[in-house]
Amino acid sequence: MFLLFVLFVVSFAKHEQARLAFEQSHQAYKDMVISFEKRHIKQQPSSLSDQFQLRKDLLHYAKKLAQDGWSYEAIEKGYLDHLKPKQASYNFEQLYQSLQVIGSPAFHRMWERQPRAQHKLEAKRDLNLLLTYVKMPEELSGQSAETKQLLKQFSPSLSPTDAFWDQLSSLVQLYYDHLEHIPYQTFNRKLYQLRYVLSVQQIEWVRNNYGRAGKTDADALARYLATLDESDYSLNESARYHNKVASHLDTANQLQITYPDNLPQANYKVLVHFHSEFILSEAGHFLAALDPQQPSQNGLINGSSFNYANQNNDLHRLLDIEPIELFEPDFIETAMINLDSPFIVPDLEQQNDQQHPIFSRDGKSSKQLTKAAAKAFKKLLRHYQQAHQSFPSKTP
């Protein structure tokens, strides 16, 4: 009997020591527990052991969220206030998992209560939180399975016009403020490559919400744009970077042109709030390097990416164009090299040359070909705009 008593005392002492160590390591979050208990005094568990477990869970998740990068207010008002009783405890893990889905109601509750970053360190805190929740790898592989897993981290309701995209872009701009060049760092590489994930997320959103069986991606995008104000999108931005062509001299010293997918066609650009970029082929397909539905060489070479800048200016070059040299995913670079015949961007002069041996076609310059493809899309858009104006309560 005495031995059992000794074992009980030793076990109790170890348990108490572990409890005190846990309490000490979570000291900074005790105020949140006190506040929670006051607000839920009628819902406190009846048993002492359940009360201890509730306190432990509260401290554990408060610390976990703080380590993720959430503020005190976001944790208290966006998480703890929305816990719901679940038998003897609360839905801690379920709510934690749901708020990790970017754009979900749980995420938005937290994000709206997160103080807007005022300096570089706060911007990095929020950006790192997003990269963590997206589960962004250090290097995109381009594999469809990986892309599908990344897309699961975004809410199906997160549209291209959601205010979140402006907020994300503002964070990136603040983080890189006053820089002339972005240095090579793993964080910078992940943040740059995230642009490809965001772009395909928005492509999939358009397909899922406006796509129709037997219709093209261009048709889905036109349906979507018809529901927006004309100030929300642009059809006039240059698509020069998205009309790359390769060439080489054959054994007879004759110039041979190689088009992506061996298909001569022009690609054009549509922007929504400048950040959301859609590149479409002449045939009406979305072009994206990570496209899980219609992967193509054209998508790899000339695909879209999210823009962190607000307009086509020096900041756009700093954030979205120049980093290509340091941070482009290896699988895209490999496709661009194309053995001994790399795909290249036409310069401004080549783009306008109607007789250029590489970039012109049938007596039309690359720019003219792109304008013609965009013109056909504008006609499609006008059709859906007219239908939307006639029946505004219905999706065209």
Protein backbone atom coordinates (compact mmCIF):
# COMPACT_ATOMS: atom_id res chain seq x y z
CA MET A 1 0.00 0.00 0.00
CA PHE A 2 2.82 2.36 0.92
CA LEU A 3 4.50 1.60 -2.43
CA LEU A 4 1.30 2.50 -4.28
CA PHE A 5 1.12 5.75 -2.35
CA VAL A 6 4.73 6.57 -3.30
CA LEU A 7 4.04 5.80 -6.95
CA PHE A 8 0.96 8.04 -6.81
CA VAL A 9 2.95 10.90 -5.29
CA VAL A 10 5.72 10.54 -7.88
CA SER A 11 3.21 10.39 -10.71
CA PHE A 12 1.35 13.42 -9.36
CA ALA A 13 4.59 15.35 -8.96
CA LYS A 14 5.61 14.61 -12.55
CA HIS A 15 2.17 15.59 -13.82
CA GLU A 16 2.22 18.80 -11.81
CA GLN A 17 5.74 19.60 -13.01
CA ALA A 18 4.64 19.12 -16.63
CA ARG A 19 1.56 21.27 -16.02
CA LEU A 20 3.60 24.09 -14.50
CA ALA A 21 6.11 23.91 -17.36
CA PHE A 22 3.24 24.11 -19.86
CA GLU A 23 1.70 27.06 -18.01
CA GLN A 24 5.04 28.84 -17.95
CA SER A 25 5.62 28.35 -21.69
CA HIS A 26 2.13 29.74 -22.39
CA GLN A 27 2.28 32.61 -19.90
CA ALA A 28 1.76 35.26 -22.59
CA TYR A 29 -1.68 33.89 -23.50
CA LYS A 30 -3.30 33.60 -20.05
CA ASP A 31 -5.22 36.85 -20.48
CA MET A 32 -7.00 35.31 -23.47
CA VAL A 33 -8.08 32.35 -21.33
CA ILE A 34 -9.42 34.62 -18.59
CA SER A 35 -11.33 36.66 -21.16
CA PHE A 36 -12.74 33.51 -22.78
CA GLU A 37 -13.85 32.06 -19.43
CA LYS A 38 -15.68 35.28 -18.54
CA ARG A 39 -17.57 35.28 -21.84
CA HIS A 40 -18.44 31.57 -21.62
CA ILE A 41 -19.04 31.21 -17.90
CA LYS A 42 -22.30 29.30 -18.44
CA GLN A 43 -20.65 26.84 -20.83
CA GLN A 44 -17.77 25.76 -18.60
CA PRO A 45 -17.31 21.98 -18.27
CA SER A 46 -18.61 20.54 -15.01
CA SER A 47 -15.73 18.18 -14.26
CA LEU A 48 -12.37 19.43 -13.05
CA SER A 49 -10.45 17.32 -15.57
CA ASP A 50 -12.49 18.77 -18.46
CA GLN A 51 -11.86 22.27 -17.15
CA PHE A 52 -8.13 21.60 -17.08
CA GLN A 53 -8.27 20.21 -20.64
CA LEU A 54 -10.22 23.22 -21.88
CA ARG A 55 -7.66 25.57 -20.36
CA LYS A 56 -4.85 23.56 -21.94
CA ASP A 57 -6.52 23.64 -25.36
CA LEU A 58 -7.14 27.38 -25.12
CA LEU A 59 -3.51 28.09 -24.28
CA HIS A 60 -2.22 25.64 -26.89
CA TYR A 61 -4.19 27.08 -29.81
CA ALA A 62 -3.68 30.69 -28.75
CA LYS A 63 0.07 30.13 -28.81
CA LYS A 64 -0.13 28.16 -32.06
CA LEU A 65 -2.02 30.96 -33.80
CA ALA A 66 0.38 33.58 -32.45
CA GLN A 67 3.30 31.57 -33.79
CA ASP A 68 1.54 31.44 -37.16
CA GLY A 69 1.63 35.23 -37.15
CA TRP A 70 -1.84 36.24 -35.95
CA SER A 71 -2.32 39.24 -33.68
CA TYR A 72 -3.88 39.17 -30.19
CA GLU A 73 -7.09 40.74 -31.52
CA ALA A 74 -7.36 38.32 -34.44
CA ILE A 75 -6.93 35.33 -32.12
CA GLU A 76 -9.40 36.59 -29.53
CA LYS A 77 -12.10 38.00 -31.82
CA GLY A 78 -11.58 35.89 -34.92
CA TYR A 79 -10.89 32.49 -33.34
CA LEU A 80 -11.74 32.18 -29.63
CA ASP A 81 -15.05 34.03 -29.99
CA HIS A 82 -16.14 31.57 -32.68
CA LEU A 83 -15.38 28.33 -30.87
CA LYS A 84 -18.45 26.14 -30.46
CA PRO A 85 -19.08 23.57 -27.72
CA LYS A 86 -18.45 20.01 -28.85
CA GLN A 87 -19.42 17.51 -26.16
CA ALA A 88 -17.08 18.23 -23.21
CA SER A 89 -14.77 20.48 -25.21
CA TYR A 90 -14.82 22.81 -28.22
CA ASN A 91 -14.10 22.53 -31.96
CA PHE A 92 -10.50 23.78 -31.63
CA GLU A 93 -8.85 21.75 -34.38
CA GLN A 94 -11.77 21.93 -36.80
CA LEU A 95 -11.83 25.73 -36.62
CA TYR A 96 -8.04 25.91 -36.83
CA GLN A 97 -8.04 23.81 -40.00
CA SER A 98 -10.80 25.87 -41.62
CA LEU A 99 -9.04 29.20 -41.05
CA GLN A 100 -5.98 27.87 -42.88
CA VAL A 101 -8.00 27.84 -46.10
CA ILE A 102 -7.26 31.20 -47.74
CA GLY A 103 -10.49 33.08 -48.40
CA SER A 104 -12.71 30.90 -46.22
CA PRO A 105 -15.15 32.63 -43.81
CA ALA A 106 -12.94 31.57 -40.88
CA PHE A 107 -9.84 32.97 -42.59
CA HIS A 108 -11.59 36.23 -43.46
CA ARG A 109 -12.71 36.70 -39.84
CA MET A 110 -9.09 36.47 -38.74
CA TRP A 111 -7.70 38.50 -41.63
CA GLU A 112 -10.15 41.38 -41.09
CA ARG A 113 -8.99 41.67 -37.48
CA GLN A 114 -5.30 41.45 -38.31
CA PRO A 115 -3.83 44.99 -38.02
CA ARG A 116 -2.64 46.25 -41.39
CA ALA A 117 1.14 46.04 -41.65
CA GLN A 118 2.90 49.38 -41.26
CA HIS A 119 6.49 48.34 -41.91
CA LYS A 120 8.61 45.64 -43.52
CA LEU A 121 8.74 43.24 -40.55
CA GLU A 122 4.97 43.26 -40.14
CA ALA A 123 4.54 42.71 -43.88
CA LYS A 124 6.87 39.70 -43.74
CA ARG A 125 4.93 38.33 -40.76
CA ASP A 126 1.68 38.33 -42.75
CA LEU A 127 3.30 37.08 -45.96
CA ASN A 128 5.00 34.25 -44.12
CA LEU A 129 1.66 33.31 -42.56
CA LEU A 130 0.13 33.07 -46.03
CA LEU A 131 3.01 31.02 -47.44
CA THR A 132 2.70 28.65 -44.49
CA TYR A 133 -1.05 28.18 -44.91
CA VAL A 134 -0.72 27.67 -48.67
CA LYS A 135 1.97 25.06 -47.86
CA MET A 136 4.15 26.68 -50.50
CA PRO A 137 7.19 24.53 -51.38
CA GLU A 138 10.66 26.02 -51.79
CA GLU A 139 10.51 25.08 -55.47
CA LEU A 140 7.43 24.37 -57.56
CA SER A 141 7.70 21.05 -59.39
CA GLY A 142 5.00 21.67 -61.98
CA GLN A 143 3.47 18.29 -61.15
CA SER A 144 -0.32 18.19 -61.32
CA ALA A 145 -0.65 16.40 -57.97
CA GLU A 146 1.31 19.15 -56.23
CA THR A 147 -0.74 21.88 -57.90
CA LYS A 148 -4.02 20.27 -56.86
CA GLN A 149 -2.85 20.07 -53.24
CA LEU A 150 -1.87 23.75 -53.28
CA LEU A 151 -5.23 24.74 -54.75
CA LYS A 152 -7.01 23.00 -51.86
CA GLN A 153 -5.62 25.72 -49.60
CA PHE A 154 -7.87 28.31 -51.27
CA SER A 155 -11.59 28.75 -50.77
CA PRO A 156 -13.76 28.06 -53.85
CA SER A 157 -15.43 31.42 -53.16
CA LEU A 158 -12.25 33.52 -53.50
CA SER A 159 -12.89 35.49 -56.70
CA PRO A 160 -10.43 37.59 -58.74
CA THR A 161 -12.10 40.80 -57.51
CA ASP A 162 -11.90 39.92 -53.82
CA ALA A 163 -10.31 42.69 -51.73
CA PHE A 164 -7.82 40.15 -50.39
CA TRP A 165 -5.76 40.35 -53.60
CA ASP A 166 -5.24 44.10 -53.20
CA GLN A 167 -4.26 43.55 -49.57
CA LEU A 168 -1.79 40.82 -50.49
CA SER A 169 -0.23 43.00 -53.18
CA SER A 170 0.09 45.90 -50.74
CA LEU A 171 1.97 43.63 -48.33
CA VAL A 172 4.42 42.60 -51.06
CA GLN A 173 4.92 46.22 -52.11
CA LEU A 174 5.57 47.25 -48.50
CA TYR A 175 8.02 44.40 -47.94
CA TYR A 176 10.12 45.31 -50.99
CA ASP A 177 9.76 49.08 -50.57
CA HIS A 178 12.88 51.15 -51.45
CA LEU A 179 14.67 48.18 -53.07
CA GLU A 180 16.27 48.49 -56.50
CA HIS A 181 16.66 44.73 -56.89
CA ILE A 182 15.21 41.78 -54.99
CA PRO A 183 18.03 39.63 -53.54
CA TYR A 184 18.19 35.85 -53.73
CA GLN A 185 16.61 34.34 -50.61
CA THR A 186 14.41 31.29 -50.15
CA PHE A 187 11.57 33.46 -48.84
CA ASN A 188 11.77 35.72 -51.90
CA ARG A 189 11.83 32.73 -54.24
CA LYS A 190 8.74 31.19 -52.64
CA LEU A 191 6.90 34.51 -52.72
CA TYR A 192 7.72 35.02 -56.40
CA GLN A 193 6.69 31.49 -57.40
CA LEU A 194 3.44 31.88 -55.47
CA ARG A 195 2.33 34.09 -58.39
CA TYR A 196 1.92 30.99 -60.56
CA VAL A 197 -0.24 29.27 -57.94
CA LEU A 198 -2.46 32.34 -57.52
CA SER A 199 -2.92 32.63 -61.26
CA VAL A 200 -4.12 29.07 -61.71
CA GLN A 201 -6.38 29.46 -58.65
CA GLN A 202 -8.13 32.31 -60.42
CA ILE A 203 -8.31 30.41 -63.70
CA GLU A 204 -9.98 27.51 -61.91
CA TRP A 205 -12.38 29.91 -60.19
CA VAL A 206 -13.52 31.28 -63.57
CA ARG A 207 -13.89 27.77 -65.00
CA ASN A 208 -15.83 26.49 -62.00
CA ASN A 209 -18.19 29.46 -61.82
CA TYR A 210 -18.67 30.43 -65.47
CA GLY A 211 -17.50 27.49 -67.56
CA ARG A 212 -20.01 25.55 -69.64
CA ALA A 213 -19.69 22.09 -71.18
CA GLY A 214 -18.40 22.28 -74.73
CA LYS A 215 -17.41 25.95 -74.38
CA THR A 216 -13.91 27.47 -74.27
CA ASP A 217 -12.11 29.19 -71.43
CA ALA A 218 -12.50 32.43 -73.38
CA ASP A 219 -16.25 31.94 -73.26
CA ALA A 220 -16.14 31.45 -69.47
CA LEU A 221 -13.99 34.55 -68.98
CA ALA A 222 -16.27 36.63 -71.20
CA ARG A 223 -19.28 35.49 -69.17
CA TYR A 224 -17.50 36.54 -66.00
CA LEU A 225 -16.30 39.92 -67.26
CA ALA A 226 -19.83 40.71 -68.43
CA THR A 227 -20.88 40.77 -64.76
CA LEU A 228 -18.18 43.31 -63.85
CA ASP A 229 -17.92 47.03 -64.34
CA GLU A 230 -15.71 47.91 -67.31
CA SER A 231 -13.35 49.73 -64.94
CA ASP A 232 -12.58 46.40 -63.25
CA TYR A 233 -10.70 44.93 -66.19
CA SER A 234 -8.40 45.80 -69.08
CA LEU A 235 -8.08 44.24 -72.53
CA ASN A 236 -5.39 46.59 -73.78
CA GLU A 237 -2.23 45.65 -71.87
CA SER A 238 0.70 44.39 -73.92
CA ALA A 239 1.03 40.61 -74.29
CA ARG A 240 4.55 40.79 -75.75
CA TYR A 241 6.06 38.61 -72.99
CA HIS A 242 3.42 35.97 -73.70
CA ASN A 243 4.14 35.48 -77.40
CA LYS A 244 7.53 33.80 -77.33
CA VAL A 245 8.73 31.86 -80.34
CA ALA A 246 11.80 29.69 -80.94
CA SER A 247 13.92 29.41 -84.09
CA HIS A 248 17.02 27.66 -85.38
CA LEU A 249 18.94 27.02 -88.59
CA ASP A 250 18.55 23.53 -90.01
CA THR A 251 21.26 21.51 -91.72
CA ALA A 252 20.54 23.34 -94.97
CA ASN A 253 21.07 26.66 -93.18
CA GLN A 254 17.36 27.45 -93.48
CA LEU A 255 15.53 29.26 -90.69
CA GLN A 256 13.03 27.01 -88.92
CA ILE A 257 10.39 28.47 -86.61
CA THR A 258 9.10 26.56 -83.58
CA TYR A 259 5.82 27.59 -81.99
CA PRO A 260 4.72 26.25 -78.61
CA ASP A 261 2.81 23.02 -79.18
CA ASN A 262 3.86 23.40 -82.84
CA LEU A 263 0.78 25.54 -83.36
CA PRO A 264 1.08 29.05 -84.88
CA GLN A 265 -1.26 31.25 -82.88
CA ALA A 266 -1.31 34.55 -81.04
CA ASN A 267 -1.90 34.90 -77.31
CA TYR A 268 -3.63 37.86 -75.69
CA LYS A 269 -3.96 39.25 -72.17
CA VAL A 270 -6.88 40.19 -69.93
CA LEU A 271 -6.30 41.85 -66.56
CA VAL A 272 -8.73 42.18 -63.65
CA HIS A 273 -7.67 44.92 -61.21
CA PHE A 274 -4.24 44.53 -62.85
CA HIS A 275 -3.27 41.86 -60.29
CA SER A 276 -5.29 39.04 -61.82
CA GLU A 277 -3.78 38.10 -65.16
CA PHE A 278 -5.42 35.84 -67.72
CA ILE A 279 -3.50 34.81 -70.84
CA LEU A 280 -5.55 33.14 -73.56
CA SER A 281 -4.53 31.46 -76.77
CA GLU A 282 -6.14 32.30 -80.08
CA ALA A 283 -8.08 29.05 -79.70
CA GLY A 284 -9.59 30.31 -76.44
CA HIS A 285 -7.62 28.26 -73.90
CA PHE A 286 -6.28 29.66 -70.65
CA LEU A 287 -2.49 29.50 -70.59
CA ALA A 288 -0.85 28.73 -67.25
CA ALA A 289 2.28 26.80 -66.34
CA LEU A 290 0.43 24.94 -63.56
CA ASP A 291 -2.85 24.33 -65.37
CA PRO A 292 -4.15 21.04 -63.89
CA GLN A 293 -6.85 20.59 -66.54
CA GLN A 294 -5.29 21.55 -69.88
CA PRO A 295 -1.49 21.46 -69.53
CA SER A 296 0.33 22.61 -72.64
CA GLN A 297 3.72 23.76 -73.84
CA ASN A 298 2.15 27.11 -74.68
CA GLY A 299 1.04 27.39 -71.05
CA LEU A 300 4.57 26.64 -69.84
CA ILE A 301 6.20 29.12 -72.20
CA ASN A 302 3.66 31.93 -72.34
CA GLY A 303 1.44 31.40 -69.31
CA SER A 304 -0.02 33.85 -66.83
CA SER A 305 1.12 34.85 -63.36
CA PHE A 306 -0.36 37.04 -60.65
CA ASN A 307 0.91 40.63 -60.60
CA TYR A 308 1.97 42.12 -57.26
CA ALA A 309 2.19 45.62 -58.77
CA ASN A 310 -0.82 47.88 -59.36
CA GLN A 311 0.09 48.99 -62.87
CA ASN A 312 2.64 48.60 -65.64
CA ASN A 313 5.46 50.70 -64.21
CA ASP A 314 8.88 50.41 -62.54
CA LEU A 315 7.34 48.65 -59.56
CA HIS A 316 5.88 46.06 -61.93
CA ARG A 317 9.37 45.46 -63.31
CA LEU A 318 10.82 45.13 -59.80
CA LEU A 319 8.19 42.77 -58.41
CA ASP A 320 6.93 40.78 -61.38
CA ILE A 321 9.44 40.88 -64.25
CA GLU A 322 13.07 41.23 -63.15
CA PRO A 323 12.88 38.41 -60.54
CA ILE A 324 12.39 35.94 -63.40
CA GLU A 325 16.17 35.69 -63.74
CA LEU A 326 16.60 34.51 -60.13
CA PHE A 327 13.36 32.82 -59.18
CA GLU A 328 11.78 31.23 -62.26
CA PRO A 329 10.77 27.62 -61.47
CA ASP A 330 13.19 25.08 -62.91
CA PHE A 331 10.47 23.24 -64.86
CA ILE A 332 9.58 26.46 -66.72
CA GLU A 333 13.22 27.29 -67.42
CA THR A 334 13.75 23.80 -68.84
CA ALA A 335 10.78 24.28 -71.18
CA MET A 336 12.07 27.70 -72.23
CA ILE A 337 15.54 26.41 -73.10
CA ASN A 338 14.01 23.91 -75.55
CA LEU A 339 17.31 22.13 -76.25
CA ASP A 340 19.28 24.33 -78.68
CA SER A 341 16.30 26.43 -79.74
CA PRO A 342 15.22 28.62 -76.80
CA PHE A 343 11.94 30.47 -76.81
CA ILE A 344 12.51 34.22 -76.82
CA VAL A 345 10.43 37.36 -76.32
CA PRO A 346 10.19 39.75 -79.29
CA ASP A 347 11.60 43.18 -78.55
CA LEU A 348 9.50 46.26 -79.31
CA GLU A 349 10.86 46.60 -82.83
CA GLN A 350 10.46 42.91 -83.63
CA GLN A 351 6.93 42.94 -82.23
CA ASN A 352 5.87 45.63 -84.72
CA ASP A 353 7.72 44.25 -87.76
CA GLN A 354 5.22 42.87 -90.29
CA GLN A 355 7.97 41.06 -92.17
CA HIS A 356 10.03 39.77 -89.29
CA PRO A 357 11.32 36.28 -90.18
CA ILE A 358 10.52 34.86 -86.72
CA PHE A 359 7.69 36.79 -85.11
CA SER A 360 5.49 37.88 -88.03
CA ARG A 361 3.02 35.61 -89.80
CA ASP A 362 1.21 36.02 -93.11
CA GLY A 363 2.36 39.61 -93.46
CA LYS A 364 1.15 40.61 -90.00
CA SER A 365 3.32 41.61 -87.06
CA SER A 366 3.17 39.84 -83.72
CA LYS A 367 1.35 42.84 -82.28
CA GLN A 368 -1.24 42.84 -85.07
CA LEU A 369 -1.87 39.13 -84.62
CA THR A 370 -2.39 39.63 -80.90
CA LYS A 371 -4.77 42.53 -81.49
CA ALA A 372 -6.80 40.42 -83.90
CA ALA A 373 -7.15 37.64 -81.32
CA ALA A 374 -8.12 40.15 -78.63
CA LYS A 375 -10.65 41.73 -81.00
CA ALA A 376 -12.42 38.40 -81.41
CA PHE A 377 -12.60 38.10 -77.62
CA LYS A 378 -14.02 41.62 -77.30
CA LYS A 379 -16.78 40.64 -79.71
CA LEU A 380 -17.59 37.64 -77.53
CA LEU A 381 -17.57 39.83 -74.44
CA ARG A 382 -19.97 42.35 -76.01
CA HIS A 383 -22.37 39.50 -76.73
CA TYR A 384 -22.49 38.52 -73.06
CA GLN A 385 -22.61 42.12 -71.88
CA GLN A 386 -25.73 42.68 -73.96
CA ALA A 387 -27.27 39.49 -72.59
CA HIS A 388 -26.38 40.52 -69.04
CA GLN A 389 -27.92 43.97 -69.52
CA SER A 390 -31.11 42.39 -70.83
CA PHE A 391 -31.31 39.85 -67.99
CA PRO A 392 -29.15 41.25 -65.14
CA SER A 393 -30.52 38.80 -62.57
CA LYS A 394 -29.38 35.80 -64.60
CA THR A 395 -25.90 34.54 -65.37
CA PRO A 396 -25.43 34.97 -69.15
